[in-house]
Amino acid sequence: MRKYDYTYYVYILTNKKNGVLYVGMTNNLERRLYEHKKGNLTGFTQKYHLTKLVYAEFHKYVNDAIYREKQIKNWQRAWKIQLIEEENEDWIDLAAEWY
């Protein structure tokens, strides 16, 4: 995964390959992943132990990131899986070495 000089991120988390998927958006991906991995965020991601970052894209403008997050959230599951596998065929945790 390459980081750019952009500020907003759309990302997909899972608990395992072909597992439960979560699409989110943040302005600080490293901080948000830390919160997910430590279980600091209550709700859906905590309930299903979604801590594995399998996809991320970067946006310069917040409105673009919000639009893209909503777009992906409305996709069929198969489309989300295809998006992940185009970039990360083995579903490795892209944030595994951050902590």
N, C-alpha and C. Protein backbone atom coordinates (compact mmCIF):
# COMPACT_ATOMS: atom_id res chain seq x y z
N MET A 1 0.84 -1.18 0.00
CA MET A 1 0.00 0.00 0.00
C MET A 1 0.89 1.24 0.00
N ARG A 2 0.57 2.17 -0.86
CA ARG A 2 1.33 3.40 -0.93
C ARG A 2 0.55 4.52 -0.28
N LYS A 3 1.26 5.33 0.47
CA LYS A 3 0.64 6.51 1.07
C LYS A 3 0.98 7.72 0.22
N TYR A 4 0.03 8.57 0.10
CA TYR A 4 0.22 9.79 -0.66
C TYR A 4 0.09 10.98 0.29
N ASP A 5 0.25 12.13 -0.27
CA ASP A 5 0.16 13.33 0.53
C ASP A 5 -1.28 13.81 0.63
N TYR A 6 -2.20 12.89 0.69
CA TYR A 6 -3.61 13.22 0.82
C TYR A 6 -4.05 13.07 2.27
N THR A 7 -5.21 13.53 2.54
CA THR A 7 -5.65 13.59 3.93
C THR A 7 -6.77 12.61 4.26
N TYR A 8 -7.53 12.15 3.31
CA TYR A 8 -8.72 11.36 3.59
C TYR A 8 -8.60 9.96 3.00
N TYR A 9 -9.10 9.00 3.73
CA TYR A 9 -8.92 7.60 3.38
C TYR A 9 -10.25 6.87 3.43
N VAL A 10 -10.50 6.02 2.45
CA VAL A 10 -11.61 5.08 2.46
C VAL A 10 -10.96 3.71 2.59
N TYR A 11 -11.47 2.90 3.49
CA TYR A 11 -10.81 1.62 3.77
C TYR A 11 -11.82 0.51 4.00
N ILE A 12 -11.34 -0.72 3.85
CA ILE A 12 -12.15 -1.89 4.11
C ILE A 12 -11.42 -2.76 5.12
N LEU A 13 -12.16 -3.15 6.16
CA LEU A 13 -11.66 -4.07 7.18
C LEU A 13 -12.39 -5.39 7.08
N THR A 14 -11.74 -6.43 7.57
CA THR A 14 -12.36 -7.75 7.67
C THR A 14 -11.76 -8.47 8.88
N ASN A 15 -12.28 -9.65 9.16
CA ASN A 15 -11.71 -10.48 10.21
C ASN A 15 -10.94 -11.67 9.62
N LYS A 16 -11.23 -12.00 8.36
CA LYS A 16 -10.54 -13.09 7.66
C LYS A 16 -10.90 -13.02 6.19
N LYS A 17 -10.20 -13.76 5.37
CA LYS A 17 -10.49 -13.78 3.94
C LYS A 17 -11.93 -14.20 3.72
N ASN A 18 -12.63 -13.43 2.91
CA ASN A 18 -14.05 -13.66 2.61
C ASN A 18 -14.94 -13.59 3.84
N GLY A 19 -14.48 -12.91 4.88
CA GLY A 19 -15.26 -12.75 6.10
C GLY A 19 -16.16 -11.52 6.03
N VAL A 20 -16.55 -11.07 7.20
CA VAL A 20 -17.39 -9.88 7.32
C VAL A 20 -16.59 -8.67 6.82
N LEU A 21 -17.25 -7.77 6.10
CA LEU A 21 -16.59 -6.58 5.56
C LEU A 21 -17.16 -5.32 6.19
N TYR A 22 -16.27 -4.36 6.42
CA TYR A 22 -16.66 -3.04 6.92
C TYR A 22 -15.98 -1.98 6.07
N VAL A 23 -16.75 -1.01 5.60
CA VAL A 23 -16.21 0.10 4.82
C VAL A 23 -16.26 1.35 5.70
N GLY A 24 -15.12 2.03 5.80
CA GLY A 24 -15.06 3.24 6.61
C GLY A 24 -14.30 4.34 5.93
N MET A 25 -14.32 5.52 6.56
CA MET A 25 -13.62 6.69 6.05
C MET A 25 -13.03 7.43 7.24
N THR A 26 -11.81 7.96 7.06
CA THR A 26 -11.14 8.68 8.14
C THR A 26 -10.15 9.68 7.56
N ASN A 27 -9.72 10.60 8.41
CA ASN A 27 -8.67 11.53 7.99
C ASN A 27 -7.32 11.12 8.56
N ASN A 28 -7.28 10.05 9.35
CA ASN A 28 -6.03 9.55 9.93
C ASN A 28 -6.10 8.03 9.98
N LEU A 29 -5.62 7.39 8.94
CA LEU A 29 -5.77 5.94 8.82
C LEU A 29 -5.01 5.18 9.89
N GLU A 30 -3.81 5.60 10.20
CA GLU A 30 -3.03 4.90 11.22
C GLU A 30 -3.71 4.95 12.59
N ARG A 31 -4.21 6.13 12.96
CA ARG A 31 -4.90 6.25 14.24
C ARG A 31 -6.17 5.40 14.26
N ARG A 32 -6.94 5.46 13.16
CA ARG A 32 -8.19 4.71 13.13
C ARG A 32 -7.94 3.21 13.19
N LEU A 33 -6.91 2.74 12.51
CA LEU A 33 -6.60 1.31 12.57
C LEU A 33 -6.16 0.90 13.96
N TYR A 34 -5.41 1.75 14.61
CA TYR A 34 -5.00 1.48 15.99
C TYR A 34 -6.24 1.34 16.87
N GLU A 35 -7.20 2.22 16.70
CA GLU A 35 -8.44 2.15 17.48
C GLU A 35 -9.20 0.87 17.20
N HIS A 36 -9.27 0.47 15.94
CA HIS A 36 -9.94 -0.79 15.60
C HIS A 36 -9.21 -1.98 16.20
N LYS A 37 -7.89 -2.00 16.07
CA LYS A 37 -7.11 -3.14 16.55
C LYS A 37 -7.14 -3.27 18.08
N LYS A 38 -7.22 -2.16 18.78
CA LYS A 38 -7.26 -2.18 20.24
C LYS A 38 -8.68 -2.38 20.77
N GLY A 39 -9.68 -2.38 19.88
CA GLY A 39 -11.06 -2.56 20.32
C GLY A 39 -11.65 -1.33 20.97
N ASN A 40 -11.08 -0.16 20.68
CA ASN A 40 -11.54 1.08 21.29
C ASN A 40 -12.83 1.60 20.66
N LEU A 41 -13.20 1.11 19.51
CA LEU A 41 -14.40 1.58 18.82
C LEU A 41 -15.51 0.56 19.01
N THR A 42 -16.52 0.95 19.73
CA THR A 42 -17.63 0.02 19.97
C THR A 42 -18.53 -0.04 18.74
N GLY A 43 -19.25 -1.13 18.63
CA GLY A 43 -20.20 -1.28 17.53
C GLY A 43 -19.85 -2.44 16.63
N PHE A 44 -20.15 -2.27 15.36
CA PHE A 44 -20.05 -3.33 14.36
C PHE A 44 -18.65 -3.91 14.28
N THR A 45 -17.63 -3.06 14.18
CA THR A 45 -16.26 -3.57 14.01
C THR A 45 -15.78 -4.32 15.24
N GLN A 46 -16.17 -3.87 16.40
CA GLN A 46 -15.77 -4.56 17.64
C GLN A 46 -16.52 -5.90 17.76
N LYS A 47 -17.80 -5.88 17.46
CA LYS A 47 -18.63 -7.09 17.56
C LYS A 47 -18.08 -8.23 16.71
N TYR A 48 -17.62 -7.91 15.51
CA TYR A 48 -17.14 -8.93 14.57
C TYR A 48 -15.62 -9.02 14.50
N HIS A 49 -14.92 -8.32 15.39
CA HIS A 49 -13.45 -8.36 15.46
C HIS A 49 -12.81 -8.00 14.11
N LEU A 50 -13.27 -6.91 13.55
CA LEU A 50 -12.78 -6.46 12.24
C LEU A 50 -11.56 -5.58 12.46
N THR A 51 -10.39 -6.18 12.31
CA THR A 51 -9.14 -5.47 12.58
C THR A 51 -8.13 -5.59 11.45
N LYS A 52 -8.49 -6.27 10.41
CA LYS A 52 -7.56 -6.54 9.31
C LYS A 52 -7.85 -5.58 8.16
N LEU A 53 -6.91 -4.69 7.87
CA LEU A 53 -7.04 -3.74 6.77
C LEU A 53 -6.68 -4.44 5.47
N VAL A 54 -7.67 -4.60 4.58
CA VAL A 54 -7.41 -5.31 3.33
C VAL A 54 -7.50 -4.42 2.11
N TYR A 55 -7.97 -3.18 2.29
CA TYR A 55 -8.06 -2.26 1.17
C TYR A 55 -8.07 -0.83 1.69
N ALA A 56 -7.40 0.05 0.97
CA ALA A 56 -7.44 1.48 1.30
C ALA A 56 -7.20 2.29 0.03
N GLU A 57 -7.88 3.41 -0.04
CA GLU A 57 -7.63 4.36 -1.11
C GLU A 57 -7.59 5.76 -0.51
N PHE A 58 -6.94 6.65 -1.21
CA PHE A 58 -6.62 7.96 -0.66
C PHE A 58 -7.29 9.05 -1.47
N HIS A 59 -7.77 10.08 -0.76
CA HIS A 59 -8.46 11.18 -1.42
C HIS A 59 -7.96 12.51 -0.88
N LYS A 60 -7.87 13.46 -1.76
CA LYS A 60 -7.42 14.79 -1.37
C LYS A 60 -8.53 15.59 -0.70
N TYR A 61 -9.75 15.37 -1.11
CA TYR A 61 -10.87 16.16 -0.61
C TYR A 61 -11.86 15.29 0.17
N VAL A 62 -12.34 15.82 1.28
CA VAL A 62 -13.24 15.08 2.15
C VAL A 62 -14.52 14.69 1.42
N ASN A 63 -15.05 15.55 0.59
CA ASN A 63 -16.29 15.22 -0.12
C ASN A 63 -16.11 14.05 -1.07
N ASP A 64 -14.94 13.95 -1.67
CA ASP A 64 -14.66 12.80 -2.54
C ASP A 64 -14.61 11.51 -1.73
N ALA A 65 -14.00 11.56 -0.57
CA ALA A 65 -13.90 10.37 0.29
C ALA A 65 -15.28 9.95 0.80
N ILE A 66 -16.07 10.90 1.21
CA ILE A 66 -17.43 10.59 1.69
C ILE A 66 -18.26 9.97 0.57
N TYR A 67 -18.19 10.55 -0.61
CA TYR A 67 -18.92 10.02 -1.76
C TYR A 67 -18.50 8.58 -2.05
N ARG A 68 -17.19 8.35 -2.06
CA ARG A 68 -16.67 7.02 -2.38
C ARG A 68 -17.05 6.00 -1.31
N GLU A 69 -16.97 6.39 -0.04
CA GLU A 69 -17.37 5.48 1.03
C GLU A 69 -18.83 5.06 0.86
N LYS A 70 -19.70 6.01 0.61
CA LYS A 70 -21.12 5.70 0.42
C LYS A 70 -21.33 4.82 -0.80
N GLN A 71 -20.57 5.09 -1.86
CA GLN A 71 -20.68 4.30 -3.08
C GLN A 71 -20.32 2.84 -2.80
N ILE A 72 -19.18 2.62 -2.16
CA ILE A 72 -18.74 1.25 -1.89
C ILE A 72 -19.69 0.56 -0.92
N LYS A 73 -20.16 1.27 0.10
CA LYS A 73 -21.10 0.67 1.06
C LYS A 73 -22.36 0.16 0.37
N ASN A 74 -22.76 0.81 -0.71
CA ASN A 74 -23.98 0.40 -1.42
C ASN A 74 -23.74 -0.69 -2.45
N TRP A 75 -22.50 -1.06 -2.65
CA TRP A 75 -22.18 -2.11 -3.62
C TRP A 75 -22.62 -3.48 -3.12
N GLN A 76 -22.79 -4.38 -4.08
CA GLN A 76 -22.98 -5.79 -3.75
C GLN A 76 -21.68 -6.33 -3.15
N ARG A 77 -21.82 -7.33 -2.32
CA ARG A 77 -20.65 -7.94 -1.67
C ARG A 77 -19.62 -8.42 -2.70
N ALA A 78 -20.08 -9.02 -3.79
CA ALA A 78 -19.16 -9.52 -4.82
C ALA A 78 -18.30 -8.41 -5.40
N TRP A 79 -18.86 -7.22 -5.55
CA TRP A 79 -18.11 -6.09 -6.09
C TRP A 79 -17.03 -5.65 -5.10
N LYS A 80 -17.38 -5.67 -3.81
CA LYS A 80 -16.39 -5.30 -2.77
C LYS A 80 -15.24 -6.29 -2.75
N ILE A 81 -15.57 -7.56 -2.86
CA ILE A 81 -14.54 -8.60 -2.89
C ILE A 81 -13.64 -8.43 -4.11
N GLN A 82 -14.23 -8.14 -5.25
CA GLN A 82 -13.44 -7.91 -6.46
C GLN A 82 -12.51 -6.71 -6.28
N LEU A 83 -13.00 -5.64 -5.67
CA LEU A 83 -12.18 -4.46 -5.42
C LEU A 83 -10.98 -4.82 -4.54
N ILE A 84 -11.23 -5.57 -3.48
CA ILE A 84 -10.15 -5.99 -2.59
C ILE A 84 -9.13 -6.83 -3.35
N GLU A 85 -9.61 -7.83 -4.06
CA GLU A 85 -8.72 -8.79 -4.71
C GLU A 85 -7.95 -8.20 -5.88
N GLU A 86 -8.43 -7.11 -6.47
CA GLU A 86 -7.66 -6.45 -7.52
C GLU A 86 -6.36 -5.86 -6.96
N GLU A 87 -6.38 -5.45 -5.71
CA GLU A 87 -5.22 -4.83 -5.05
C GLU A 87 -4.52 -5.76 -4.07
N ASN A 88 -5.26 -6.70 -3.50
CA ASN A 88 -4.75 -7.50 -2.39
C ASN A 88 -5.33 -8.92 -2.49
N GLU A 89 -4.84 -9.65 -3.45
CA GLU A 89 -5.38 -10.97 -3.78
C GLU A 89 -5.39 -11.92 -2.57
N ASP A 90 -4.38 -11.85 -1.72
CA ASP A 90 -4.27 -12.77 -0.59
C ASP A 90 -4.90 -12.24 0.70
N TRP A 91 -5.51 -11.06 0.62
CA TRP A 91 -6.19 -10.46 1.77
C TRP A 91 -5.24 -10.28 2.95
N ILE A 92 -4.00 -9.88 2.69
CA ILE A 92 -3.07 -9.66 3.81
C ILE A 92 -3.44 -8.37 4.54
N ASP A 93 -3.09 -8.31 5.80
CA ASP A 93 -3.36 -7.13 6.61
C ASP A 93 -2.36 -6.05 6.21
N LEU A 94 -2.83 -5.02 5.55
CA LEU A 94 -1.95 -3.95 5.05
C LEU A 94 -1.38 -3.11 6.17
N ALA A 95 -1.93 -3.23 7.37
CA ALA A 95 -1.46 -2.44 8.52
C ALA A 95 -0.73 -3.31 9.54
N ALA A 96 -0.42 -4.53 9.19
CA ALA A 96 0.18 -5.47 10.15
C ALA A 96 1.50 -4.96 10.72
N GLU A 97 2.27 -4.26 9.93
CA GLU A 97 3.60 -3.80 10.39
C GLU A 97 3.57 -2.42 11.04
N TRP A 98 2.40 -1.84 11.17
CA TRP A 98 2.32 -0.50 11.74
C TRP A 98 2.48 -0.49 13.25
N TYR A 99 2.20 -1.62 13.89
CA TYR A 99 2.19 -1.64 15.37
C TYR A 99 3.06 -2.74 15.91
